[in-house]
PDB file of N, CA and C in Angstrom:
ATOM      1  N   MET A   1      -8.097   2.723  -8.867  1.00  0.00           N
ATOM      2  CA  MET A   1      -8.868   3.362  -8.493  1.00  0.00           C
ATOM      3  C   MET A   1      -8.962   2.026  -7.204  1.00  0.00           C
ATOM      4  N   GLU A   2      -8.976   0.502  -8.364  1.00  0.00           N
ATOM      5  CA  GLU A   2      -9.746  -0.556  -7.169  1.00  0.00           C
ATOM      6  C   GLU A   2      -9.063  -0.867  -6.080  1.00  0.00           C
ATOM      7  N   GLN A   3      -8.165  -0.515  -5.946  1.00  0.00           N
ATOM      8  CA  GLN A   3      -7.308  -0.947  -4.719  1.00  0.00           C
ATOM      9  C   GLN A   3      -7.347   0.686  -3.754  1.00  0.00           C
ATOM     10  N   GLN A   4      -7.464   1.511  -4.381  1.00  0.00           N
ATOM     11  CA  GLN A   4      -7.726   2.714  -2.989  1.00  0.00           C
ATOM     12  C   GLN A   4      -9.400   2.346  -2.532  1.00  0.00           C
ATOM     13  N   LYS A   5     -10.193   1.914  -3.574  1.00  0.00           N
ATOM     14  CA  LYS A   5     -11.572   1.714  -2.928  1.00  0.00           C
ATOM     15  C   LYS A   5     -11.473   0.087  -1.832  1.00  0.00           C
ATOM     16  N   THR A   6     -10.499  -0.757  -2.506  1.00  0.00           N
ATOM     17  CA  THR A   6     -10.306  -2.146  -1.289  1.00  0.00           C
ATOM     18  C   THR A   6      -9.378  -1.579  -0.181  1.00  0.00           C
ATOM     19  N   THR A   7      -8.726  -1.023  -0.169  1.00  0.00           N
ATOM     20  CA  THR A   7      -8.035  -0.131   0.713  1.00  0.00           C
ATOM     21  C   THR A   7      -8.927   0.341   2.189  1.00  0.00           C
ATOM     22  N   ILE A   8      -9.865   1.109   1.507  1.00  0.00           N
ATOM     23  CA  ILE A   8     -10.323   2.233   2.286  1.00  0.00           C
ATOM     24  C   ILE A   8     -11.576   1.094   2.872  1.00  0.00           C
ATOM     25  N   ILE A   9     -12.090  -0.259   2.306  1.00  0.00           N
ATOM     26  CA  ILE A   9     -12.679  -1.228   2.852  1.00  0.00           C
ATOM     27  C   ILE A   9     -12.182  -1.762   3.761  1.00  0.00           C
ATOM     28  N   LEU A  10     -10.888  -2.024   3.933  1.00  0.00           N
ATOM     29  CA  LEU A  10      -9.983  -2.705   4.761  1.00  0.00           C
ATOM     30  C   LEU A  10     -10.023  -2.323   6.293  1.00  0.00           C
ATOM     31  N   VAL A  11      -9.689  -0.671   5.754  1.00  0.00           N
ATOM     32  CA  VAL A  11     -10.350   0.426   7.368  1.00  0.00           C
ATOM     33  C   VAL A  11     -11.422   0.328   7.744  1.00  0.00           C
ATOM     34  N   LEU A  12     -12.525   0.302   6.784  1.00  0.00           N
ATOM     35  CA  LEU A  12     -13.097   0.562   7.447  1.00  0.00           C
ATOM     36  C   LEU A  12     -13.982  -0.951   8.283  1.00  0.00           C
ATOM     37  N   LEU A  13     -13.554  -2.433   7.788  1.00  0.00           N
ATOM     38  CA  LEU A  13     -13.808  -3.113   8.076  1.00  0.00           C
ATOM     39  C   LEU A  13     -13.005  -3.583   9.654  1.00  0.00           C
ATOM     40  N   GLY A  14     -11.191  -2.959   9.418  1.00  0.00           N
ATOM     41  CA  GLY A  14     -10.973  -2.934  11.031  1.00  0.00           C
ATOM     42  C   GLY A  14     -11.408  -2.095  11.533  1.00  0.00           C
ATOM     43  N   ILE A  15     -12.032  -1.334  11.182  1.00  0.00           N
ATOM     44  CA  ILE A  15     -12.507  -0.071  12.493  1.00  0.00           C
ATOM     45  C   ILE A  15     -13.498  -0.585  13.240  1.00  0.00           C
ATOM     46  N   THR A  16     -14.593  -1.760  12.098  1.00  0.00           N
ATOM     47  CA  THR A  16     -15.547  -1.862  12.725  1.00  0.00           C
ATOM     48  C   THR A  16     -15.470  -2.796  13.277  1.00  0.00           C
ATOM     49  N   LEU A  17     -14.176  -4.119  13.337  1.00  0.00           N
ATOM     50  CA  LEU A  17     -14.267  -4.747  14.060  1.00  0.00           C
ATOM     51  C   LEU A  17     -13.761  -4.461  15.340  1.00  0.00           C
ATOM     52  N   PHE A  18     -12.837  -3.568  15.271  1.00  0.00           N
ATOM     53  CA  PHE A  18     -12.179  -3.471  16.956  1.00  0.00           C
ATOM     54  C   PHE A  18     -13.086  -2.184  17.789  1.00  0.00           C
ATOM     55  N   LEU A  19     -14.641  -1.619  17.271  1.00  0.00           N
ATOM     56  CA  LEU A  19     -15.028  -1.134  17.926  1.00  0.00           C
ATOM     57  C   LEU A  19     -16.286  -2.235  18.253  1.00  0.00           C
ATOM     58  N   GLY A  20     -16.394  -2.791  17.065  1.00  0.00           N
ATOM     59  CA  GLY A  20     -17.787  -4.195  17.584  1.00  0.00           C
ATOM     60  C   GLY A  20     -17.621  -4.330  18.794  1.00  0.00           C
ATOM     61  N   SER A  21     -16.314  -5.298  19.004  1.00  0.00           N
ATOM     62  CA  SER A  21     -15.445  -5.942  19.809  1.00  0.00           C
ATOM     63  C   SER A  21     -15.049  -5.491  20.916  1.00  0.00           C
ATOM     64  N   MET A  22     -14.913  -4.269  20.755  1.00  0.00           N
ATOM     65  CA  MET A  22     -14.939  -3.685  22.476  1.00  0.00           C
ATOM     66  C   MET A  22     -15.727  -3.330  22.890  1.00  0.00           C
ATOM     67  N   PHE A  23     -16.848  -2.945  22.137  1.00  0.00           N
ATOM     68  CA  PHE A  23     -18.040  -2.269  23.039  1.00  0.00           C
ATOM     69  C   PHE A  23     -19.196  -3.654  23.119  1.00  0.00           C
ATOM     70  N   PHE A  24     -19.340  -4.629  22.485  1.00  0.00           N
ATOM     71  CA  PHE A  24     -20.374  -5.158  22.267  1.00  0.00           C
ATOM     72  C   PHE A  24     -19.717  -6.795  23.289  1.00  0.00           C
ATOM     73  N   ILE A  25     -18.485  -7.569  22.269  1.00  0.00           N
ATOM     74  CA  ILE A  25     -17.983  -8.728  23.058  1.00  0.00           C
ATOM     75  C   ILE A  25     -17.261  -8.047  24.616  1.00  0.00           C
ATOM     76  N   LEU A  26     -16.390  -7.413  24.344  1.00  0.00           N
ATOM     77  CA  LEU A  26     -15.309  -7.148  25.186  1.00  0.00           C
ATOM     78  C   LEU A  26     -16.464  -7.398  26.404  1.00  0.00           C
ATOM     79  N   PRO A  27     -17.207  -6.548  26.727  1.00  0.00           N
ATOM     80  CA  PRO A  27     -18.427  -6.556  28.682  1.00  0.00           C
ATOM     81  C   PRO A  27     -18.551  -8.080  28.889  1.00  0.00           C
ATOM     82  N   VAL A  28     -18.756  -8.932  27.893  1.00  0.00           N
ATOM     83  CA  VAL A  28     -19.087 -10.249  28.301  1.00  0.00           C
ATOM     84  C   VAL A  28     -17.899 -11.307  28.711  1.00  0.00           C
ATOM     85  N   PRO A  29     -17.814 -11.591  29.819  1.00  0.00           N
ATOM     86  CA  PRO A  29     -16.602 -12.635  30.505  1.00  0.00           C
ATOM     87  C   PRO A  29     -16.256 -13.508  30.006  1.00  0.00           C
ATOM     88  N   GLU A  30     -17.347 -14.260  29.406  1.00  0.00           N
ATOM     89  CA  GLU A  30     -16.732 -15.351  28.665  1.00  0.00           C
ATOM     90  C   GLU A  30     -15.804 -15.094  27.761  1.00  0.00           C
ATOM     91  N   PHE A  31     -16.224 -14.251  26.944  1.00  0.00           N
ATOM     92  CA  PHE A  31     -15.864 -13.894  25.396  1.00  0.00           C
ATOM     93  C   PHE A  31     -14.925 -12.852  25.602  1.00  0.00           C
ATOM     94  N   TYR A  32     -14.011 -12.870  26.626  1.00  0.00           N
ATOM     95  CA  TYR A  32     -13.061 -11.919  26.808  1.00  0.00           C
ATOM     96  C   TYR A  32     -11.859 -11.767  25.574  1.00  0.00           C
ATOM     97  N   LEU A  33     -11.032 -13.198  26.012  1.00  0.00           N
ATOM     98  CA  LEU A  33      -9.480 -13.252  24.906  1.00  0.00           C
ATOM     99  C   LEU A  33     -10.285 -13.304  23.783  1.00  0.00           C
ATOM    100  N   ILE A  34     -11.603 -14.093  22.925  1.00  0.00           N
ATOM    101  CA  ILE A  34     -12.155 -13.926  22.000  1.00  0.00           C
ATOM    102  C   ILE A  34     -12.304 -12.179  21.564  1.00  0.00           C
ATOM    103  N   SER A  35     -12.767 -11.999  22.431  1.00  0.00           N
ATOM    104  CA  SER A  35     -12.665 -10.263  21.750  1.00  0.00           C
ATOM    105  C   SER A  35     -11.274  -9.532  22.103  1.00  0.00           C
ATOM    106  N   LEU A  36     -10.530  -9.781  22.778  1.00  0.00           N
ATOM    107  CA  LEU A  36      -9.169  -9.177  22.738  1.00  0.00           C
ATOM    108  C   LEU A  36      -8.099  -9.976  21.093  1.00  0.00           C
ATOM    109  N   LEU A  37      -8.360 -10.445  20.895  1.00  0.00           N
ATOM    110  CA  LEU A  37      -8.336 -11.591  19.114  1.00  0.00           C
ATOM    111  C   LEU A  37      -8.974 -10.778  18.046  1.00  0.00           C
ATOM    112  N   ILE A  38      -9.868 -10.841  18.182  1.00  0.00           N
ATOM    113  CA  ILE A  38     -10.993  -9.951  17.393  1.00  0.00           C
ATOM    114  C   ILE A  38     -10.241  -8.620  17.028  1.00  0.00           C
ATOM    115  N   MET A  39     -10.231  -7.865  18.541  1.00  0.00           N
ATOM    116  CA  MET A  39      -9.401  -6.156  18.547  1.00  0.00           C
ATOM    117  C   MET A  39      -8.110  -5.979  17.742  1.00  0.00           C
ATOM    118  N   PHE A  40      -7.182  -7.514  17.719  1.00  0.00           N
ATOM    119  CA  PHE A  40      -6.347  -7.468  17.161  1.00  0.00           C
ATOM    120  C   PHE A  40      -6.239  -7.522  15.691  1.00  0.00           C
ATOM    121  N   GLY A  41      -7.218  -8.186  15.275  1.00  0.00           N
ATOM    122  CA  GLY A  41      -7.548  -8.873  13.640  1.00  0.00           C
ATOM    123  C   GLY A  41      -7.421  -7.308  13.250  1.00  0.00           C
ATOM    124  N   GLY A  42      -8.536  -6.530  14.086  1.00  0.00           N
ATOM    125  CA  GLY A  42      -8.796  -5.299  13.472  1.00  0.00           C
ATOM    126  C   GLY A  42      -8.103  -4.000  13.511  1.00  0.00           C
ATOM    127  N   VAL A  43      -6.967  -4.007  14.591  1.00  0.00           N
ATOM    128  CA  VAL A  43      -5.919  -3.799  14.598  1.00  0.00           C
ATOM    129  C   VAL A  43      -4.876  -3.394  12.675  1.00  0.00           C
ATOM    130  N   ILE A  44      -4.674  -4.928  13.018  1.00  0.00           N
ATOM    131  CA  ILE A  44      -3.759  -5.398  12.081  1.00  0.00           C
ATOM    132  C   ILE A  44      -4.657  -5.381  10.948  1.00  0.00           C
ATOM    133  N   LEU A  45      -5.939  -4.956  10.415  1.00  0.00           N
ATOM    134  CA  LEU A  45      -6.667  -4.703   9.138  1.00  0.00           C
ATOM    135  C   LEU A  45      -6.462  -3.521   8.775  1.00  0.00           C
ATOM    136  N   ILE A  46      -6.542  -2.554  10.131  1.00  0.00           N
ATOM    137  CA  ILE A  46      -6.446  -1.203   9.650  1.00  0.00           C
ATOM    138  C   ILE A  46      -4.934  -0.748   9.569  1.00  0.00           C
ATOM    139  N   GLY A  47      -3.774  -1.168   9.957  1.00  0.00           N
ATOM    140  CA  GLY A  47      -2.719  -1.260   9.904  1.00  0.00           C
ATOM    141  C   GLY A  47      -2.202  -1.522   8.157  1.00  0.00           C
ATOM    142  N   ILE A  48      -2.706  -3.022   7.809  1.00  0.00           N
ATOM    143  CA  ILE A  48      -2.401  -3.439   6.445  1.00  0.00           C
ATOM    144  C   ILE A  48      -3.212  -2.058   5.517  1.00  0.00           C
ATOM    145  N   GLY A  49      -4.573  -2.339   5.591  1.00  0.00           N
ATOM    146  CA  GLY A  49      -4.933  -0.967   4.830  1.00  0.00           C
ATOM    147  C   GLY A  49      -4.489   0.806   4.209  1.00  0.00           C
ATOM    148  N   GLY A  50      -3.559   1.370   6.080  1.00  0.00           N
ATOM    149  CA  GLY A  50      -3.350   2.360   6.081  1.00  0.00           C
ATOM    150  C   GLY A  50      -2.307   2.161   5.273  1.00  0.00           C
ATOM    151  N   ALA A  51      -1.388   1.084   5.341  1.00  0.00           N
ATOM    152  CA  ALA A  51      -0.116   1.220   3.970  1.00  0.00           C
ATOM    153  C   ALA A  51      -0.246   0.901   3.071  1.00  0.00           C
ATOM    154  N   LEU A  52      -1.225   0.170   2.253  1.00  0.00           N
ATOM    155  CA  LEU A  52      -1.757   0.184   0.993  1.00  0.00           C
ATOM    156  C   LEU A  52      -2.182   1.529   0.563  1.00  0.00           C
ATOM    157  N   LEU A  53      -2.794   2.358   1.524  1.00  0.00           N
ATOM    158  CA  LEU A  53      -3.653   3.930   1.066  1.00  0.00           C
ATOM    159  C   LEU A  53      -2.051   4.825   1.137  1.00  0.00           C
ATOM    160  N   LYS A  54      -1.499   4.743   2.022  1.00  0.00           N
ATOM    161  CA  LYS A  54      -0.063   5.761   1.899  1.00  0.00           C
ATOM    162  C   LYS A  54       1.152   5.058   0.698  1.00  0.00           C
ATOM    163  N   GLY A  55       0.714   3.842  -0.203  1.00  0.00           N
ATOM    164  CA  GLY A  55       1.363   3.644  -1.384  1.00  0.00           C
ATOM    165  C   GLY A  55       2.690   2.791  -0.796  1.00  0.00           C
ATOM    166  N   PHE A  56       2.411   1.973   0.286  1.00  0.00           N
ATOM    167  CA  PHE A  56       4.123   1.535   0.722  1.00  0.00           C
ATOM    168  C   PHE A  56       4.690   0.264   0.151  1.00  0.00           C
ATOM    169  N   ASP A  57       3.208  -0.261   0.025  1.00  0.00           N
ATOM    170  CA  ASP A  57       3.210  -1.449  -0.669  1.00  0.00           C
ATOM    171  C   ASP A  57       4.204  -1.089  -2.745  1.00  0.00           C
ATOM    172  N   ALA A  58       4.048  -0.008  -3.225  1.00  0.00           N
ATOM    173  CA  ALA A  58       5.119  -0.036  -4.243  1.00  0.00           C
ATOM    174  C   ALA A  58       6.703   0.114  -4.163  1.00  0.00           C
ATOM    175  N   SER A  59       6.968   0.103  -2.841  1.00  0.00           N
ATOM    176  CA  SER A  59       8.055  -0.156  -2.553  1.00  0.00           C
ATOM    177  C   SER A  59       8.722  -1.596  -1.897  1.00  0.00           C
ATOM    178  N   LEU A  60       8.005  -2.761  -2.412  1.00  0.00           N
ATOM    179  CA  LEU A  60       8.308  -4.007  -2.335  1.00  0.00           C
ATOM    180  C   LEU A  60       8.926  -4.418  -3.438  1.00  0.00           C
ATOM    181  N   GLU A  61       8.240  -3.899  -4.428  1.00  0.00           N
ATOM    182  CA  GLU A  61       8.388  -4.679  -5.507  1.00  0.00           C
ATOM    183  C   GLU A  61       9.972  -5.275  -6.156  1.00  0.00           C
ATOM    184  N   ILE A  62       9.894  -5.627  -7.082  1.00  0.00           N
ATOM    185  CA  ILE A  62      11.710  -6.042  -7.720  1.00  0.00           C
ATOM    186  C   ILE A  62      12.198  -5.268  -8.104  1.00  0.00           C
ATOM    187  N   PRO A  63      13.497  -4.818  -7.507  1.00  0.00           N
ATOM    188  CA  PRO A  63      14.365  -3.705  -7.948  1.00  0.00           C
ATOM    189  C   PRO A  63      14.525  -3.935  -9.076  1.00  0.00           C
ATOM    190  N   SER A  64      14.605  -2.716 -10.040  1.00  0.00           N
ATOM    191  CA  SER A  64      14.990  -2.701 -11.824  1.00  0.00           C
ATOM    192  C   SER A  64      16.217  -2.357 -12.025  1.00  0.00           C
ATOM    193  N   ASP A  65      16.670  -3.084 -13.119  1.00  0.00           N
ATOM    194  CA  ASP A  65      17.879  -3.462 -13.437  1.00  0.00           C
ATOM    195  C   ASP A  65      18.579  -1.589 -13.760  1.00  0.00           C
ATOM    196  N   ASP A  66      17.696  -0.494 -14.447  1.00  0.00           N
ATOM    197  CA  ASP A  66      18.162   0.536 -14.551  1.00  0.00           C
ATOM    198  C   ASP A  66      18.819   1.187 -13.248  1.00  0.00           C
ATOM    199  N   CYS A  67      19.619   1.810 -13.951  1.00  0.00           N
ATOM    200  CA  CYS A  67      20.162   3.408 -13.354  1.00  0.00           C
ATOM    201  C   CYS A  67      18.986   4.344 -12.712  1.00  0.00           C
ATOM    202  N   TYR A  68      18.522   4.401 -11.417  1.00  0.00           N
ATOM    203  CA  TYR A  68      17.681   5.386 -10.639  1.00  0.00           C
ATOM    204  C   TYR A  68      17.978   6.593 -11.012  1.00  0.00           C
ATOM    205  N   TYR A  69      19.196   6.955 -11.199  1.00  0.00           N
ATOM    206  CA  TYR A  69      19.794   8.183 -11.124  1.00  0.00           C
ATOM    207  C   TYR A  69      19.251   9.285 -12.628  1.00  0.00           C
ATOM    208  N   CYS A  70      19.531   8.531 -13.927  1.00  0.00           N
ATOM    209  CA  CYS A  70      19.678   8.271 -14.859  1.00  0.00           C
ATOM    210  C   CYS A  70      18.236   8.363 -15.765  1.00  0.00           C
ATOM    211  N   LYS A  71      17.483   6.653 -14.615  1.00  0.00           N
ATOM    212  CA  LYS A  71      16.621   6.190 -15.638  1.00  0.00           C
ATOM    213  C   LYS A  71      17.133   5.255 -16.502  1.00  0.00           C
ATOM    214  N   GLY A  72      17.948   5.032 -16.452  1.00  0.00           N
ATOM    215  CA  GLY A  72      18.246   4.168 -17.689  1.00  0.00           C
ATOM    216  C   GLY A  72      18.686   4.759 -19.059  1.00  0.00           C
ATOM    217  N   SER A  73      18.841   6.047 -18.765  1.00  0.00           N
ATOM    218  CA  SER A  73      19.361   6.181 -20.384  1.00  0.00           C
ATOM    219  C   SER A  73      21.036   6.385 -20.781  1.00  0.00           C
ATOM    220  N   GLY A  74      21.559   6.790 -19.146  1.00  0.00           N
ATOM    221  CA  GLY A  74      22.946   6.982 -19.078  1.00  0.00           C
ATOM    222  C   GLY A  74      23.108   8.493 -19.345  1.00  0.00           C
ATOM    223  N   LYS A  75      22.689   9.489 -19.701  1.00  0.00           N
ATOM    224  CA  LYS A  75      22.634  10.594 -19.567  1.00  0.00           C
ATOM    225  C   LYS A  75      21.669  11.306 -18.319  1.00  0.00           C
ATOM    226  N   VAL A  76      21.832  12.684 -17.991  1.00  0.00           N
ATOM    227  CA  VAL A  76      21.270  13.358 -17.017  1.00  0.00           C
ATOM    228  C   VAL A  76      21.475  14.810 -18.012  1.00  0.00           C
ATOM    229  N   LYS A  77      20.257  15.224 -17.557  1.00  0.00           N
ATOM    230  CA  LYS A  77      20.274  16.612 -18.267  1.00  0.00           C
ATOM    231  C   LYS A  77      20.585  17.913 -17.475  1.00  0.00           C
ATOM    232  N   GLN A  78      22.002  18.686 -17.843  1.00  0.00           N
ATOM    233  CA  GLN A  78      22.840  19.720 -17.547  1.00  0.00           C
ATOM    234  C   GLN A  78      21.652  20.884 -17.915  1.00  0.00           C
ATOM    235  N   ASP A  79      22.447  22.105 -17.293  1.00  0.00           N
ATOM    236  CA  ASP A  79      22.031  23.546 -17.571  1.00  0.00           C
ATOM    237  C   ASP A  79      22.542  23.711 -19.156  1.00  0.00           C
ATOM    238  N   ASP A  80      23.590  23.163 -19.370  1.00  0.00           N
ATOM    239  CA  ASP A  80      23.958  23.194 -21.002  1.00  0.00           C
ATOM    240  C   ASP A  80      23.654  22.141 -21.764  1.00  0.00           C
ATOM    241  N   GLY A  81      23.066  21.387 -21.614  1.00  0.00           N
ATOM    242  CA  GLY A  81      22.700  20.327 -22.152  1.00  0.00           C
ATOM    243  C   GLY A  81      22.992  18.602 -21.730  1.00  0.00           C
ATOM    244  N   PHE A  82      23.103  17.451 -22.060  1.00  0.00           N
ATOM    245  CA  PHE A  82      23.077  16.418 -21.427  1.00  0.00           C
ATOM    246  C   PHE A  82      24.362  15.957 -21.197  1.00  0.00           C
ATOM    247  N   ASP A  83      24.658  15.555 -20.129  1.00  0.00           N
ATOM    248  CA  ASP A  83      25.837  14.741 -19.920  1.00  0.00           C
ATOM    249  C   ASP A  83      26.123  13.397 -19.264  1.00  0.00           C
ATOM    250  N   THR A  84      27.680  12.679 -19.261  1.00  0.00           N
ATOM    251  CA  THR A  84      27.015  11.450 -19.275  1.00  0.00           C
ATOM    252  C   THR A  84      26.657  11.646 -17.443  1.00  0.00           C
ATOM    253  N   CYS A  85      25.906  10.231 -17.180  1.00  0.00           N
ATOM    254  CA  CYS A  85      25.313  10.145 -15.934  1.00  0.00           C
ATOM    255  C   CYS A  85      26.641   9.650 -14.625  1.00  0.00           C
ATOM    256  N   PRO A  86      26.810  10.274 -13.923  1.00  0.00           N
ATOM    257  CA  PRO A  86      27.749   9.907 -12.928  1.00  0.00           C
ATOM    258  C   PRO A  86      27.868   9.123 -12.035  1.00  0.00           C
ATOM    259  N   ARG A  87      26.690   8.775 -11.878  1.00  0.00           N
ATOM    260  CA  ARG A  87      26.319   7.236 -11.262  1.00  0.00           C
ATOM    261  C   ARG A  87      26.568   5.684 -11.782  1.00  0.00           C
ATOM    262  N   CYS A  88      26.361   5.867 -13.111  1.00  0.00           N
ATOM    263  CA  CYS A  88      26.363   4.579 -13.923  1.00  0.00           C
ATOM    264  C   CYS A  88      27.426   4.818 -15.232  1.00  0.00           C
ATOM    265  N   SER A  89      28.009   6.025 -14.562  1.00  0.00           N
ATOM    266  CA  SER A  89      28.981   5.970 -16.317  1.00  0.00           C
ATOM    267  C   SER A  89      28.600   5.820 -17.477  1.00  0.00           C
ATOM    268  N   GLY A  90      27.298   6.053 -17.746  1.00  0.00           N
ATOM    269  CA  GLY A  90      26.934   6.249 -18.887  1.00  0.00           C
ATOM    270  C   GLY A  90      26.278   5.184 -19.466  1.00  0.00           C
ATOM    271  N   THR A  91      26.370   3.906 -19.104  1.00  0.00           N
ATOM    272  CA  THR A  91      26.084   2.417 -19.238  1.00  0.00           C
ATOM    273  C   THR A  91      23.878   2.680 -19.097  1.00  0.00           C
ATOM    274  N   GLY A  92      23.622   2.769 -17.919  1.00  0.00           N
ATOM    275  CA  GLY A  92      22.165   3.051 -17.601  1.00  0.00           C
ATOM    276  C   GLY A  92      21.880   1.847 -16.860  1.00  0.00           C
ATOM    277  N   LEU A  93      22.852   1.067 -16.673  1.00  0.00           N
ATOM    278  CA  LEU A  93      22.772   0.275 -15.629  1.00  0.00           C
ATOM    279  C   LEU A  93      23.032   0.463 -14.349  1.00  0.00           C
ATOM    280  N   ALA A  94      21.945  -0.597 -13.696  1.00  0.00           N
ATOM    281  CA  ALA A  94      22.057   0.264 -12.093  1.00  0.00           C
ATOM    282  C   ALA A  94      23.720  -0.535 -11.591  1.00  0.00           C
ATOM    283  N   ARG A  95      23.994  -0.070 -10.568  1.00  0.00           N
ATOM    284  CA  ARG A  95      24.979  -0.575  -9.717  1.00  0.00           C
ATOM    285  C   ARG A  95      24.680  -1.813  -8.912  1.00  0.00           C
ATOM    286  N   PRO A  96      25.605  -2.612  -8.298  1.00  0.00           N
ATOM    287  CA  PRO A  96      25.294  -3.557  -8.237  1.00  0.00           C
ATOM    288  C   PRO A  96      24.754  -3.825  -6.697  1.00  0.00           C
ATOM    289  N   GLU A  97      25.324  -2.107  -6.090  1.00  0.00           N
ATOM    290  CA  GLU A  97      25.236  -2.357  -4.681  1.00  0.00           C
ATOM    291  C   GLU A  97      23.864  -1.128  -4.308  1.00  0.00           C
ATOM    292  N   ASP A  98      23.070  -0.691  -5.831  1.00  0.00           N
ATOM    293  CA  ASP A  98      22.097  -0.376  -5.786  1.00  0.00           C
ATOM    294  C   ASP A  98      20.533  -1.212  -5.313  1.00  0.00           C
TER     295      ASP A  98
END
């Protein structure tokens, strides 16, 4: 819940920076470059917040040593009971190429 609150704040801050810079700072000729940099920062904040909100940061975790197919148990559920996992041959460990 805390992460979702943080991501919403990032997105809203990015939108505020972008729109504020576009409508208030961009029309002033002396601050044109600064306005573009602030708008770029706003877009970056929107992108980071959106990615965190969608959960893309979870895919950046360290890979597990457990087999993803059987979740480390070495057995997979079949219609007639349990059978040896075809991915790890029953060891429960991930293969090197996983």
